[in-house]
């Protein structure tokens, strides 16, 4: 009997962090609502999840994050105003945001780590594999990054971690995979171990983990049983290492370009690149940059 292929229907977005690297901008506004040109960071991720076939979005929020719910909710007053003024194109933009997917929210009452944030989604996810997308990792690609990973999951039916090659000393800023390429699919990396932020000379590879995951529901059991790390935080990396004792885990070398919008420098670079490629703003913005004679 052919095993049933499990599908990825749900995507979890940890969004309860305080965004301290962007203060004072994030004092009263969630980091996930910072905009790249004309769209907030988290919307890029939600659209990627929807393009990958996810129909349910689970956002892990915290104190001061109500604006996230407002953004994806229907805005009756705004839509009525746009309709009355016959601004049909803008009306369609507003309506599209509130119809992207079924979106639910759950609170992380304390900032106890990425693993703890994922664990907060346990009841909403249930007993099925699911995606995790970190909103400040923006990936540009012809085929959305998560869609690439979902297609790989259909082949492996086990947990998959988004990965990219990071050159030189930068590997010390990432979780790092001890892995070997799968002979049948070199984009799949069979994971033997994981090292969190290794010294460059001790890194087992240059394959870094980025903010894209597909996880089997057993990860919740691992998160409930691992020992918390510094500050009482539950590290997702530790839970995935524990998962390795029970099932295979793969890295996945996706096609595309990642923008680290989680710090000011990366956010500014992403803003410039997205603006240059914007269909209406791009030409004039490029001309303005040339006039600066940098």
C-alpha atoms as a PDB file:
ATOM      1  CA  UNK A   1       0.000   0.000   0.000  1.00  0.00           C
ATOM      2  CA  UNK A   2       1.422   3.381  -1.002  1.00  0.00           C
ATOM      3  CA  UNK A   3       1.969   5.673   2.030  1.00  0.00           C
ATOM      4  CA  UNK A   4      -0.235   8.745   2.146  1.00  0.00           C
ATOM      5  CA  UNK A   5       1.672  11.901   1.225  1.00  0.00           C
ATOM      6  CA  UNK A   6       1.217  14.478   3.943  1.00  0.00           C
ATOM      7  CA  UNK A   7       0.652  18.054   2.831  1.00  0.00           C
ATOM      8  CA  UNK A   8       1.691  21.322   4.431  1.00  0.00           C
ATOM      9  CA  UNK A   9      -1.476  23.291   5.179  1.00  0.00           C
ATOM     10  CA  UNK A  10      -0.369  25.482   8.075  1.00  0.00           C
ATOM     11  CA  UNK A  11       2.420  28.031   8.510  1.00  0.00           C
ATOM     12  CA  UNK A  12       3.577  29.437  11.860  1.00  0.00           C
ATOM     13  CA  UNK A  13       4.974  32.968  12.120  1.00  0.00           C
ATOM     14  CA  UNK A  14       6.810  33.770  15.375  1.00  0.00           C
ATOM     15  CA  UNK A  15       6.190  37.495  15.853  1.00  0.00           C
ATOM     16  CA  UNK A  16       6.336  38.105  19.588  1.00  0.00           C
ATOM     17  CA  UNK A  17       9.859  39.571  19.766  1.00  0.00           C
ATOM     18  CA  UNK A  18      10.489  43.127  20.937  1.00  0.00           C
ATOM     19  CA  UNK A  19      12.509  44.211  17.894  1.00  0.00           C
ATOM     20  CA  UNK A  20      15.070  46.056  20.002  1.00  0.00           C
ATOM     21  CA  UNK A  21      17.562  46.394  17.130  1.00  0.00           C
ATOM     22  CA  UNK A  22      15.158  48.855  15.464  1.00  0.00           C
ATOM     23  CA  UNK A  23      14.451  51.087  18.449  1.00  0.00           C
ATOM     24  CA  UNK A  24      12.992  53.671  18.654  1.00  0.00           C
ATOM     25  CA  UNK A  25      10.953  52.764  15.544  1.00  0.00           C
ATOM     26  CA  UNK A  26       9.714  49.573  17.213  1.00  0.00           C
ATOM     27  CA  UNK A  27       8.861  51.126  20.580  1.00  0.00           C
ATOM     28  CA  UNK A  28       5.160  51.172  19.668  1.00  0.00           C
ATOM     29  CA  UNK A  29       5.136  49.312  16.322  1.00  0.00           C
ATOM     30  CA  UNK A  30       6.000  45.646  15.762  1.00  0.00           C
ATOM     31  CA  UNK A  31       9.184  45.009  13.816  1.00  0.00           C
ATOM     32  CA  UNK A  32       7.153  42.720  11.556  1.00  0.00           C
ATOM     33  CA  UNK A  33       5.173  45.774  10.378  1.00  0.00           C
ATOM     34  CA  UNK A  34       8.224  47.683   9.137  1.00  0.00           C
ATOM     35  CA  UNK A  35       7.711  48.155   5.421  1.00  0.00           C
ATOM     36  CA  UNK A  36       9.843  47.268   2.427  1.00  0.00           C
ATOM     37  CA  UNK A  37       8.684  49.977   0.017  1.00  0.00           C
ATOM     38  CA  UNK A  38       4.913  49.511   0.395  1.00  0.00           C
ATOM     39  CA  UNK A  39       4.394  46.197   2.143  1.00  0.00           C
ATOM     40  CA  UNK A  40       5.159  45.111   5.743  1.00  0.00           C
ATOM     41  CA  UNK A  41       7.761  42.409   6.312  1.00  0.00           C
ATOM     42  CA  UNK A  42       5.274  39.867   7.594  1.00  0.00           C
ATOM     43  CA  UNK A  43       3.050  40.191   4.521  1.00  0.00           C
ATOM     44  CA  UNK A  44       5.900  39.041   2.271  1.00  0.00           C
ATOM     45  CA  UNK A  45       6.147  35.896   4.374  1.00  0.00           C
ATOM     46  CA  UNK A  46       2.394  35.286   4.463  1.00  0.00           C
ATOM     47  CA  UNK A  47       2.191  35.633   0.683  1.00  0.00           C
ATOM     48  CA  UNK A  48       5.069  33.154   0.352  1.00  0.00           C
ATOM     49  CA  UNK A  49       3.257  30.654   2.580  1.00  0.00           C
ATOM     50  CA  UNK A  50       0.036  31.034   0.594  1.00  0.00           C
ATOM     51  CA  UNK A  51       1.948  30.544  -2.677  1.00  0.00           C
ATOM     52  CA  UNK A  52       3.327  27.309  -1.180  1.00  0.00           C
ATOM     53  CA  UNK A  53      -0.204  25.970  -0.636  1.00  0.00           C
ATOM     54  CA  UNK A  54      -0.728  26.935   3.011  1.00  0.00           C
ATOM     55  CA  UNK A  55      -4.324  27.823   3.789  1.00  0.00           C
ATOM     56  CA  UNK A  56      -3.960  28.544   7.509  1.00  0.00           C
ATOM     57  CA  UNK A  57      -1.568  31.093   8.987  1.00  0.00           C
ATOM     58  CA  UNK A  58      -0.775  31.019  12.717  1.00  0.00           C
ATOM     59  CA  UNK A  59       0.872  34.163  14.071  1.00  0.00           C
ATOM     60  CA  UNK A  60       2.520  34.028  17.497  1.00  0.00           C
ATOM     61  CA  UNK A  61       2.074  37.477  18.998  1.00  0.00           C
ATOM     62  CA  UNK A  62       2.884  39.265  22.221  1.00  0.00           C
ATOM     63  CA  UNK A  63       2.109  42.479  24.006  1.00  0.00           C
ATOM     64  CA  UNK A  64       1.715  45.473  21.687  1.00  0.00           C
ATOM     65  CA  UNK A  65       1.166  43.407  18.541  1.00  0.00           C
ATOM     66  CA  UNK A  66      -2.527  44.137  17.936  1.00  0.00           C
ATOM     67  CA  UNK A  67      -1.651  46.098  14.796  1.00  0.00           C
ATOM     68  CA  UNK A  68      -0.704  42.776  13.157  1.00  0.00           C
ATOM     69  CA  UNK A  69      -4.286  41.605  13.573  1.00  0.00           C
ATOM     70  CA  UNK A  70      -5.609  44.927  12.288  1.00  0.00           C
ATOM     71  CA  UNK A  71      -3.445  44.706   9.179  1.00  0.00           C
ATOM     72  CA  UNK A  72      -4.807  41.338   8.069  1.00  0.00           C
ATOM     73  CA  UNK A  73      -8.386  42.086   9.162  1.00  0.00           C
ATOM     74  CA  UNK A  74     -11.096  43.648   7.009  1.00  0.00           C
ATOM     75  CA  UNK A  75     -11.106  47.448   7.289  1.00  0.00           C
ATOM     76  CA  UNK A  76     -14.729  48.466   6.730  1.00  0.00           C
ATOM     77  CA  UNK A  77     -14.107  52.208   7.055  1.00  0.00           C
ATOM     78  CA  UNK A  78     -11.130  52.240   4.678  1.00  0.00           C
ATOM     79  CA  UNK A  79     -12.884  50.089   2.080  1.00  0.00           C
ATOM     80  CA  UNK A  80     -16.048  52.197   2.239  1.00  0.00           C
ATOM     81  CA  UNK A  81     -14.040  55.389   1.787  1.00  0.00           C
ATOM     82  CA  UNK A  82     -12.086  54.011  -1.173  1.00  0.00           C
ATOM     83  CA  UNK A  83     -15.263  52.699  -2.782  1.00  0.00           C
ATOM     84  CA  UNK A  84     -17.031  56.059  -2.362  1.00  0.00           C
ATOM     85  CA  UNK A  85     -14.100  57.817  -4.011  1.00  0.00           C
ATOM     86  CA  UNK A  86     -13.984  55.253  -6.834  1.00  0.00           C
ATOM     87  CA  UNK A  87     -10.392  54.340  -6.040  1.00  0.00           C
ATOM     88  CA  UNK A  88     -10.874  50.816  -7.315  1.00  0.00           C
ATOM     89  CA  UNK A  89      -7.203  49.827  -7.580  1.00  0.00           C
ATOM     90  CA  UNK A  90      -6.486  50.792  -3.977  1.00  0.00           C
ATOM     91  CA  UNK A  91      -9.705  49.114  -2.856  1.00  0.00           C
ATOM     92  CA  UNK A  92      -8.526  45.868  -4.432  1.00  0.00           C
ATOM     93  CA  UNK A  93      -5.165  46.166  -2.628  1.00  0.00           C
ATOM     94  CA  UNK A  94      -6.909  46.617   0.729  1.00  0.00           C
ATOM     95  CA  UNK A  95      -9.295  43.719   0.132  1.00  0.00           C
ATOM     96  CA  UNK A  96      -6.548  41.372  -1.033  1.00  0.00           C
ATOM     97  CA  UNK A  97      -4.651  41.722   2.255  1.00  0.00           C
ATOM     98  CA  UNK A  98      -7.681  40.647   4.313  1.00  0.00           C
ATOM     99  CA  UNK A  99      -8.399  37.651   2.063  1.00  0.00           C
ATOM    100  CA  UNK A 100      -4.934  36.081   1.853  1.00  0.00           C
ATOM    101  CA  UNK A 101      -5.687  33.116   4.125  1.00  0.00           C
ATOM    102  CA  UNK A 102      -7.373  32.054   7.328  1.00  0.00           C
ATOM    103  CA  UNK A 103      -5.265  33.736  10.006  1.00  0.00           C
ATOM    104  CA  UNK A 104      -5.335  32.890  13.700  1.00  0.00           C
ATOM    105  CA  UNK A 105      -3.339  34.339  16.564  1.00  0.00           C
ATOM    106  CA  UNK A 106      -2.005  33.038  19.844  1.00  0.00           C
ATOM    107  CA  UNK A 107       0.009  34.824  22.507  1.00  0.00           C
ATOM    108  CA  UNK A 108       3.494  34.113  23.776  1.00  0.00           C
ATOM    109  CA  UNK A 109       3.227  35.673  27.225  1.00  0.00           C
ATOM    110  CA  UNK A 110       6.996  35.735  27.844  1.00  0.00           C
ATOM    111  CA  UNK A 111       9.947  36.028  25.419  1.00  0.00           C
ATOM    112  CA  UNK A 112      11.314  32.543  26.093  1.00  0.00           C
ATOM    113  CA  UNK A 113      12.957  31.816  22.766  1.00  0.00           C
ATOM    114  CA  UNK A 114      12.087  30.729  19.242  1.00  0.00           C
ATOM    115  CA  UNK A 115      11.413  27.167  20.356  1.00  0.00           C
ATOM    116  CA  UNK A 116       8.925  28.377  22.950  1.00  0.00           C
ATOM    117  CA  UNK A 117       7.189  30.540  20.332  1.00  0.00           C
ATOM    118  CA  UNK A 118       6.774  27.517  18.044  1.00  0.00           C
ATOM    119  CA  UNK A 119       5.491  25.441  20.968  1.00  0.00           C
ATOM    120  CA  UNK A 120       2.727  28.020  21.492  1.00  0.00           C
ATOM    121  CA  UNK A 121       1.264  26.874  18.160  1.00  0.00           C
ATOM    122  CA  UNK A 122       0.888  23.229  19.241  1.00  0.00           C
ATOM    123  CA  UNK A 123      -2.891  23.196  19.741  1.00  0.00           C
ATOM    124  CA  UNK A 124      -3.539  25.118  16.534  1.00  0.00           C
ATOM    125  CA  UNK A 125      -1.211  22.966  14.430  1.00  0.00           C
ATOM    126  CA  UNK A 126      -2.401  19.605  15.730  1.00  0.00           C
ATOM    127  CA  UNK A 127      -0.913  16.328  14.551  1.00  0.00           C
ATOM    128  CA  UNK A 128       0.362  17.345  11.131  1.00  0.00           C
ATOM    129  CA  UNK A 129       3.563  18.725   9.599  1.00  0.00           C
ATOM    130  CA  UNK A 130       3.754  22.501   9.309  1.00  0.00           C
ATOM    131  CA  UNK A 131       5.903  25.349   8.038  1.00  0.00           C
ATOM    132  CA  UNK A 132       7.684  27.978  10.118  1.00  0.00           C
ATOM    133  CA  UNK A 133       8.632  31.305   8.544  1.00  0.00           C
ATOM    134  CA  UNK A 134      10.649  33.987  10.303  1.00  0.00           C
ATOM    135  CA  UNK A 135       9.271  37.299   8.980  1.00  0.00           C
ATOM    136  CA  UNK A 136      12.582  39.176   8.910  1.00  0.00           C
ATOM    137  CA  UNK A 137      14.142  36.725   6.443  1.00  0.00           C
ATOM    138  CA  UNK A 138      12.860  37.842   3.042  1.00  0.00           C
ATOM    139  CA  UNK A 139      13.660  35.503   0.153  1.00  0.00           C
ATOM    140  CA  UNK A 140      13.349  36.612  -3.466  1.00  0.00           C
ATOM    141  CA  UNK A 141      13.061  33.758  -5.940  1.00  0.00           C
ATOM    142  CA  UNK A 142      11.229  32.776  -9.116  1.00  0.00           C
ATOM    143  CA  UNK A 143       9.628  29.872  -7.232  1.00  0.00           C
ATOM    144  CA  UNK A 144       8.807  30.968  -3.649  1.00  0.00           C
ATOM    145  CA  UNK A 145      11.285  29.521  -1.157  1.00  0.00           C
ATOM    146  CA  UNK A 146       8.658  27.732   0.933  1.00  0.00           C
ATOM    147  CA  UNK A 147       7.077  26.264  -2.189  1.00  0.00           C
ATOM    148  CA  UNK A 148      10.470  24.787  -3.106  1.00  0.00           C
ATOM    149  CA  UNK A 149      10.695  23.293   0.386  1.00  0.00           C
ATOM    150  CA  UNK A 150       7.151  21.919   0.283  1.00  0.00           C
ATOM    151  CA  UNK A 151       7.945  20.161  -2.985  1.00  0.00           C
ATOM    152  CA  UNK A 152      11.039  18.665  -1.339  1.00  0.00           C
ATOM    153  CA  UNK A 153       8.933  17.609   1.668  1.00  0.00           C
ATOM    154  CA  UNK A 154       6.613  15.689  -0.643  1.00  0.00           C
ATOM    155  CA  UNK A 155       9.701  13.628  -1.460  1.00  0.00           C
ATOM    156  CA  UNK A 156      11.169  13.228   2.042  1.00  0.00           C
ATOM    157  CA  UNK A 157       8.088  13.368   4.338  1.00  0.00           C
ATOM    158  CA  UNK A 158      10.346  14.507   7.143  1.00  0.00           C
ATOM    159  CA  UNK A 159      11.587  17.770   8.640  1.00  0.00           C
ATOM    160  CA  UNK A 160      13.442  20.175   6.333  1.00  0.00           C
ATOM    161  CA  UNK A 161      15.484  23.254   7.230  1.00  0.00           C
ATOM    162  CA  UNK A 162      16.097  26.076   4.779  1.00  0.00           C
ATOM    163  CA  UNK A 163      19.825  26.502   4.235  1.00  0.00           C
ATOM    164  CA  UNK A 164      22.277  28.675   2.353  1.00  0.00           C
ATOM    165  CA  UNK A 165      26.057  28.728   2.027  1.00  0.00           C
ATOM    166  CA  UNK A 166      27.616  31.472   4.163  1.00  0.00           C
ATOM    167  CA  UNK A 167      31.217  32.319   3.404  1.00  0.00           C
ATOM    168  CA  UNK A 168      33.980  33.047   5.897  1.00  0.00           C
ATOM    169  CA  UNK A 169      33.545  34.240   9.451  1.00  0.00           C
ATOM    170  CA  UNK A 170      29.831  35.066   8.967  1.00  0.00           C
ATOM    171  CA  UNK A 171      28.964  31.443   9.785  1.00  0.00           C
ATOM    172  CA  UNK A 172      29.428  32.304  13.457  1.00  0.00           C
ATOM    173  CA  UNK A 173      26.155  34.248  13.305  1.00  0.00           C
ATOM    174  CA  UNK A 174      24.060  31.213  12.308  1.00  0.00           C
ATOM    175  CA  UNK A 175      23.084  27.722  13.230  1.00  0.00           C
ATOM    176  CA  UNK A 176      25.321  25.476  11.123  1.00  0.00           C
ATOM    177  CA  UNK A 177      24.612  22.053   9.615  1.00  0.00           C
ATOM    178  CA  UNK A 178      26.894  19.050   9.779  1.00  0.00           C
ATOM    179  CA  UNK A 179      25.512  17.464   6.639  1.00  0.00           C
ATOM    180  CA  UNK A 180      26.128  15.571   3.409  1.00  0.00           C
ATOM    181  CA  UNK A 181      24.346  16.107   0.070  1.00  0.00           C
ATOM    182  CA  UNK A 182      21.778  13.495  -0.887  1.00  0.00           C
ATOM    183  CA  UNK A 183      23.075  11.563  -3.925  1.00  0.00           C
ATOM    184  CA  UNK A 184      19.645  11.641  -5.594  1.00  0.00           C
ATOM    185  CA  UNK A 185      18.988  15.335  -4.966  1.00  0.00           C
ATOM    186  CA  UNK A 186      22.012  17.539  -4.173  1.00  0.00           C
ATOM    187  CA  UNK A 187      19.740  20.305  -2.894  1.00  0.00           C
ATOM    188  CA  UNK A 188      18.776  18.003  -0.019  1.00  0.00           C
ATOM    189  CA  UNK A 189      21.385  17.833   2.746  1.00  0.00           C
ATOM    190  CA  UNK A 190      21.197  14.859   5.109  1.00  0.00           C
ATOM    191  CA  UNK A 191      21.759  16.353   8.571  1.00  0.00           C
ATOM    192  CA  UNK A 192      24.010  14.527  11.048  1.00  0.00           C
ATOM    193  CA  UNK A 193      24.276  17.293  13.628  1.00  0.00           C
ATOM    194  CA  UNK A 194      23.778  21.017  14.153  1.00  0.00           C
ATOM    195  CA  UNK A 195      26.039  23.577  15.808  1.00  0.00           C
ATOM    196  CA  UNK A 196      24.682  26.917  16.987  1.00  0.00           C
ATOM    197  CA  UNK A 197      26.912  29.892  16.077  1.00  0.00           C
ATOM    198  CA  UNK A 198      30.211  27.988  15.797  1.00  0.00           C
ATOM    199  CA  UNK A 199      33.626  29.591  15.676  1.00  0.00           C
ATOM    200  CA  UNK A 200      34.593  29.755  11.979  1.00  0.00           C
ATOM    201  CA  UNK A 201      37.458  27.308  12.448  1.00  0.00           C
ATOM    202  CA  UNK A 202      35.144  24.825  14.202  1.00  0.00           C
ATOM    203  CA  UNK A 203      32.186  25.016  11.807  1.00  0.00           C
ATOM    204  CA  UNK A 204      31.382  21.586  10.314  1.00  0.00           C
ATOM    205  CA  UNK A 205      30.321  23.227   7.027  1.00  0.00           C
ATOM    206  CA  UNK A 206      29.348  26.583   5.536  1.00  0.00           C
ATOM    207  CA  UNK A 207      25.682  25.518   5.349  1.00  0.00           C
ATOM    208  CA  UNK A 208      23.777  27.950   7.559  1.00  0.00           C
ATOM    209  CA  UNK A 209      20.180  27.561   8.727  1.00  0.00           C
ATOM    210  CA  UNK A 210      17.898  30.404   7.671  1.00  0.00           C
ATOM    211  CA  UNK A 211      14.382  31.356   8.738  1.00  0.00           C
ATOM    212  CA  UNK A 212      12.466  28.676   6.828  1.00  0.00           C
ATOM    213  CA  UNK A 213      11.473  25.315   8.338  1.00  0.00           C
ATOM    214  CA  UNK A 214       9.115  22.445   7.684  1.00  0.00           C
ATOM    215  CA  UNK A 215       8.677  20.427  10.873  1.00  0.00           C
ATOM    216  CA  UNK A 216       6.880  17.234  11.757  1.00  0.00           C
ATOM    217  CA  UNK A 217       4.534  17.366  14.784  1.00  0.00           C
ATOM    218  CA  UNK A 218       7.016  15.342  16.856  1.00  0.00           C
ATOM    219  CA  UNK A 219       8.929  18.605  17.271  1.00  0.00           C
ATOM    220  CA  UNK A 220       6.391  19.605  19.934  1.00  0.00           C
ATOM    221  CA  UNK A 221       7.314  16.573  22.032  1.00  0.00           C
ATOM    222  CA  UNK A 222      10.977  17.553  21.725  1.00  0.00           C
ATOM    223  CA  UNK A 223      10.238  21.146  22.724  1.00  0.00           C
ATOM    224  CA  UNK A 224       8.358  19.938  25.806  1.00  0.00           C
ATOM    225  CA  UNK A 225      11.204  17.711  26.970  1.00  0.00           C
ATOM    226  CA  UNK A 226      14.463  19.533  26.141  1.00  0.00           C
ATOM    227  CA  UNK A 227      16.313  21.484  28.812  1.00  0.00           C
ATOM    228  CA  UNK A 228      15.923  25.270  28.515  1.00  0.00           C
ATOM    229  CA  UNK A 229      19.101  27.163  27.724  1.00  0.00           C
ATOM    230  CA  UNK A 230      20.414  30.545  28.876  1.00  0.00           C
ATOM    231  CA  UNK A 231      17.707  32.829  30.249  1.00  0.00           C
ATOM    232  CA  UNK A 232      15.292  29.914  30.419  1.00  0.00           C
ATOM    233  CA  UNK A 233      14.794  30.039  26.645  1.00  0.00           C
ATOM    234  CA  UNK A 234      13.787  27.028  24.567  1.00  0.00           C
ATOM    235  CA  UNK A 235      15.990  26.859  21.500  1.00  0.00           C
ATOM    236  CA  UNK A 236      14.443  25.445  18.336  1.00  0.00           C
ATOM    237  CA  UNK A 237      17.898  24.205  17.289  1.00  0.00           C
ATOM    238  CA  UNK A 238      18.120  22.053  20.446  1.00  0.00           C
ATOM    239  CA  UNK A 239      14.700  20.550  19.728  1.00  0.00           C
ATOM    240  CA  UNK A 240      15.666  19.710  16.143  1.00  0.00           C
ATOM    241  CA  UNK A 241      18.872  18.072  17.389  1.00  0.00           C
ATOM    242  CA  UNK A 242      16.722  15.937  19.701  1.00  0.00           C
ATOM    243  CA  UNK A 243      14.448  15.169  16.750  1.00  0.00           C
ATOM    244  CA  UNK A 244      17.435  13.706  14.902  1.00  0.00           C
ATOM    245  CA  UNK A 245      17.396  10.774  17.337  1.00  0.00           C
ATOM    246  CA  UNK A 246      13.946   9.786  16.086  1.00  0.00           C
ATOM    247  CA  UNK A 247      13.780  10.668  12.389  1.00  0.00           C
ATOM    248  CA  UNK A 248      15.747  12.010   9.478  1.00  0.00           C
ATOM    249  CA  UNK A 249      16.172  15.754   9.095  1.00  0.00           C
ATOM    250  CA  UNK A 250      17.294  17.453   5.897  1.00  0.00           C
ATOM    251  CA  UNK A 251      18.708  20.820   5.031  1.00  0.00           C
ATOM    252  CA  UNK A 252      17.530  22.311   1.764  1.00  0.00           C
ATOM    253  CA  UNK A 253      19.601  24.577  -0.475  1.00  0.00           C
ATOM    254  CA  UNK A 254      16.916  26.802  -1.932  1.00  0.00           C
ATOM    255  CA  UNK A 255      17.187  28.863  -5.101  1.00  0.00           C
ATOM    256  CA  UNK A 256      16.877  32.594  -4.496  1.00  0.00           C
ATOM    257  CA  UNK A 257      18.342  35.576  -2.698  1.00  0.00           C
ATOM    258  CA  UNK A 258      17.785  36.121   1.010  1.00  0.00           C
ATOM    259  CA  UNK A 259      17.593  39.559   2.570  1.00  0.00           C
ATOM    260  CA  UNK A 260      18.280  39.712   6.295  1.00  0.00           C
ATOM    261  CA  UNK A 261      15.824  42.446   7.215  1.00  0.00           C
ATOM    262  CA  UNK A 262      16.326  41.757  10.918  1.00  0.00           C
ATOM    263  CA  UNK A 263      18.930  44.478  11.337  1.00  0.00           C
ATOM    264  CA  UNK A 264      19.168  48.058  10.109  1.00  0.00           C
ATOM    265  CA  UNK A 265      21.882  47.479   7.516  1.00  0.00           C
ATOM    266  CA  UNK A 266      20.134  44.493   5.961  1.00  0.00           C
ATOM    267  CA  UNK A 267      16.783  46.253   6.055  1.00  0.00           C
ATOM    268  CA  UNK A 268      18.156  49.316   4.256  1.00  0.00           C
ATOM    269  CA  UNK A 269      19.803  47.183   1.569  1.00  0.00           C
ATOM    270  CA  UNK A 270      16.598  45.243   1.026  1.00  0.00           C
ATOM    271  CA  UNK A 271      14.622  48.478   0.790  1.00  0.00           C
ATOM    272  CA  UNK A 272      16.903  49.829  -1.938  1.00  0.00           C
ATOM    273  CA  UNK A 273      16.842  46.585  -3.946  1.00  0.00           C
ATOM    274  CA  UNK A 274      13.063  46.226  -3.706  1.00  0.00           C
ATOM    275  CA  UNK A 275      12.578  49.865  -4.649  1.00  0.00           C
ATOM    276  CA  UNK A 276      14.789  49.487  -7.729  1.00  0.00           C
ATOM    277  CA  UNK A 277      12.667  46.535  -8.891  1.00  0.00           C
ATOM    278  CA  UNK A 278       9.319  48.146  -8.121  1.00  0.00           C
ATOM    279  CA  UNK A 279       7.308  48.351 -11.381  1.00  0.00           C
ATOM    280  CA  UNK A 280       6.236  51.974 -10.944  1.00  0.00           C
ATOM    281  CA  UNK A 281       8.800  53.435  -8.542  1.00  0.00           C
ATOM    282  CA  UNK A 282      11.890  51.671  -9.885  1.00  0.00           C
ATOM    283  CA  UNK A 283      12.818  53.873 -12.901  1.00  0.00           C
ATOM    284  CA  UNK A 284      12.493  57.202 -11.059  1.00  0.00           C
ATOM    285  CA  UNK A 285      14.217  55.821  -7.945  1.00  0.00           C
ATOM    286  CA  UNK A 286      17.135  54.563 -10.035  1.00  0.00           C
ATOM    287  CA  UNK A 287      17.438  57.975 -11.663  1.00  0.00           C
ATOM    288  CA  UNK A 288      17.461  59.665  -8.264  1.00  0.00           C
ATOM    289  CA  UNK A 289      20.240  57.368  -7.065  1.00  0.00           C
ATOM    290  CA  UNK A 290      22.319  58.219 -10.126  1.00  0.00           C
ATOM    291  CA  UNK A 291      21.841  61.925  -9.463  1.00  0.00           C
ATOM    292  CA  UNK A 292      23.335  61.464  -6.004  1.00  0.00           C
ATOM    293  CA  UNK A 293      26.696  60.626  -7.652  1.00  0.00           C
ATOM    294  CA  UNK A 294      27.698  58.355  -4.771  1.00  0.00           C
END
